[in-house]
């Protein structure tokens, strides 16, 4: 019995525009109508996350420092809001007292209003600034 392939790959042409065309085999395997494309600037990787809806939120927290208490409060805030499925997360500390945390998620899983969630995020110890906004949808 042969092992199934763990990955599928195609070399695709990169061009400017607001749409991505994927091989039909990929589209069939994905089975979702939308995809969140994220470019990780430092390594120039582009990641594609299939999603059910065109609504995705971006969260950016500017924090004093990355600490165990910050991570615990963030986790509790996510749990309180019902946020379990985060599509992508990233963080960087530019120095000991200047860090950023980013993530993307679909808002349909939230059990609280988006404004209440933003307020709860802002009240986490060490958060200087919280930005929560919708990711723009490509216009084909």
Protein backbone atom coordinates (compact mmCIF):
# COMPACT_ATOMS: atom_id res chain seq x y z
CA UNK A 1 0.00 0.00 0.00
CA UNK A 2 1.43 3.40 -0.96
CA UNK A 3 1.54 6.29 1.49
CA UNK A 4 -0.58 9.34 0.56
CA UNK A 5 1.33 12.49 -0.34
CA UNK A 6 1.77 14.85 2.61
CA UNK A 7 1.96 17.92 0.38
CA UNK A 8 0.89 19.14 -3.03
CA UNK A 9 2.86 21.74 -4.97
CA UNK A 10 2.79 23.75 -8.17
CA UNK A 11 5.00 26.55 -9.41
CA UNK A 12 2.69 29.47 -10.13
CA UNK A 13 3.32 32.77 -11.87
CA UNK A 14 3.27 35.80 -9.55
CA UNK A 15 1.68 38.93 -10.93
CA UNK A 16 0.04 42.06 -9.60
CA UNK A 17 -3.68 41.99 -8.91
CA UNK A 18 -6.26 41.21 -6.27
CA UNK A 19 -7.05 37.59 -7.00
CA UNK A 20 -5.25 34.29 -6.72
CA UNK A 21 -5.89 31.48 -9.14
CA UNK A 22 -5.07 28.01 -7.84
CA UNK A 23 -4.91 24.69 -9.65
CA UNK A 24 -8.30 22.95 -9.63
CA UNK A 25 -6.86 20.06 -7.58
CA UNK A 26 -5.97 22.53 -4.80
CA UNK A 27 -9.39 24.19 -4.89
CA UNK A 28 -11.11 20.80 -4.64
CA UNK A 29 -8.94 19.78 -1.68
CA UNK A 30 -9.45 23.12 0.14
CA UNK A 31 -13.22 23.08 -0.18
CA UNK A 32 -13.67 26.69 1.06
CA UNK A 33 -14.84 29.80 -0.78
CA UNK A 34 -12.33 32.27 0.64
CA UNK A 35 -8.69 32.45 1.58
CA UNK A 36 -6.77 34.77 3.87
CA UNK A 37 -3.39 35.59 2.32
CA UNK A 38 -0.72 36.82 4.74
CA UNK A 39 2.73 37.94 3.71
CA UNK A 40 5.34 37.56 6.45
CA UNK A 41 7.54 40.53 5.60
CA UNK A 42 10.79 39.42 7.26
CA UNK A 43 11.07 36.18 5.28
CA UNK A 44 8.82 37.08 2.32
CA UNK A 45 6.70 33.96 2.77
CA UNK A 46 3.07 34.13 1.76
CA UNK A 47 0.69 31.92 3.67
CA UNK A 48 -2.85 31.13 2.55
CA UNK A 49 -5.49 30.14 5.08
CA UNK A 50 -8.79 28.82 3.71
CA UNK A 51 -11.79 30.37 5.49
CA UNK A 52 -15.57 29.98 5.25
CA UNK A 53 -16.37 33.70 5.17
CA UNK A 54 -14.91 36.88 3.74
CA UNK A 55 -14.90 38.40 7.26
CA UNK A 56 -11.53 38.15 9.00
CA UNK A 57 -10.26 40.37 11.81
CA UNK A 58 -6.72 41.58 12.41
CA UNK A 59 -5.55 42.19 15.98
CA UNK A 60 -2.37 44.09 16.83
CA UNK A 61 -1.31 44.73 20.40
CA UNK A 62 1.54 47.04 21.32
CA UNK A 63 2.81 45.88 24.70
CA UNK A 64 5.40 46.96 27.24
CA UNK A 65 7.09 43.58 27.36
CA UNK A 66 6.37 39.97 26.67
CA UNK A 67 5.72 38.35 30.01
CA UNK A 68 4.06 35.29 31.43
CA UNK A 69 1.33 37.45 32.99
CA UNK A 70 0.58 39.12 29.62
CA UNK A 71 0.25 35.73 27.93
CA UNK A 72 -1.99 34.44 30.74
CA UNK A 73 -4.27 37.51 30.57
CA UNK A 74 -4.39 37.31 26.78
CA UNK A 75 -5.34 33.64 26.95
CA UNK A 76 -8.09 34.36 29.50
CA UNK A 77 -9.43 37.22 27.35
CA UNK A 78 -9.51 34.96 24.30
CA UNK A 79 -11.29 32.23 26.28
CA UNK A 80 -13.86 34.69 27.68
CA UNK A 81 -14.61 35.88 24.14
CA UNK A 82 -14.89 32.34 22.76
CA UNK A 83 -11.88 32.80 20.50
CA UNK A 84 -10.38 29.37 19.97
CA UNK A 85 -9.38 29.18 16.32
CA UNK A 86 -6.67 31.69 15.51
CA UNK A 87 -5.57 31.50 11.89
CA UNK A 88 -2.14 33.10 12.29
CA UNK A 89 -0.17 34.64 15.13
CA UNK A 90 3.11 36.50 15.27
CA UNK A 91 5.07 38.56 17.73
CA UNK A 92 8.25 40.56 17.95
CA UNK A 93 10.12 42.46 20.63
CA UNK A 94 12.19 45.35 19.33
CA UNK A 95 13.77 45.79 22.75
CA UNK A 96 13.00 44.72 26.33
CA UNK A 97 10.12 47.22 26.69
CA UNK A 98 8.63 47.44 23.21
CA UNK A 99 6.83 44.38 21.83
CA UNK A 100 4.06 43.64 19.36
CA UNK A 101 1.61 40.75 19.10
CA UNK A 102 -0.49 40.14 15.98
CA UNK A 103 -3.11 37.61 15.04
CA UNK A 104 -5.88 36.98 12.52
CA UNK A 105 -9.17 35.23 13.21
CA UNK A 106 -12.74 34.89 11.96
CA UNK A 107 -15.16 36.94 14.08
CA UNK A 108 -18.08 34.51 13.79
CA UNK A 109 -16.64 32.47 16.66
CA UNK A 110 -16.75 35.42 19.11
CA UNK A 111 -19.31 35.11 21.89
CA UNK A 112 -19.04 38.81 22.75
CA UNK A 113 -19.44 41.99 20.73
CA UNK A 114 -16.32 43.05 18.82
CA UNK A 115 -16.25 46.40 20.69
CA UNK A 116 -16.39 44.61 24.06
CA UNK A 117 -13.59 42.29 22.96
CA UNK A 118 -11.46 45.28 21.92
CA UNK A 119 -12.10 46.93 25.28
CA UNK A 120 -11.11 43.75 27.16
CA UNK A 121 -7.89 43.54 25.12
CA UNK A 122 -7.03 47.15 25.94
CA UNK A 123 -7.38 46.44 29.66
CA UNK A 124 -4.76 43.66 29.69
CA UNK A 125 -1.82 44.63 31.88
CA UNK A 126 1.00 46.07 29.76
CA UNK A 127 -1.06 46.76 26.63
CA UNK A 128 -0.22 50.24 25.35
CA UNK A 129 -2.42 50.10 22.27
CA UNK A 130 -4.89 47.64 20.78
CA UNK A 131 -5.89 47.74 17.10
CA UNK A 132 -8.73 45.51 15.96
CA UNK A 133 -9.96 45.89 12.40
CA UNK A 134 -11.41 43.96 9.48
CA UNK A 135 -9.03 42.67 6.84
CA UNK A 136 -9.88 44.25 3.48
CA UNK A 137 -11.63 42.01 0.98
CA UNK A 138 -10.18 41.87 -2.50
CA UNK A 139 -12.37 43.40 -5.20
CA UNK A 140 -12.21 41.12 -8.24
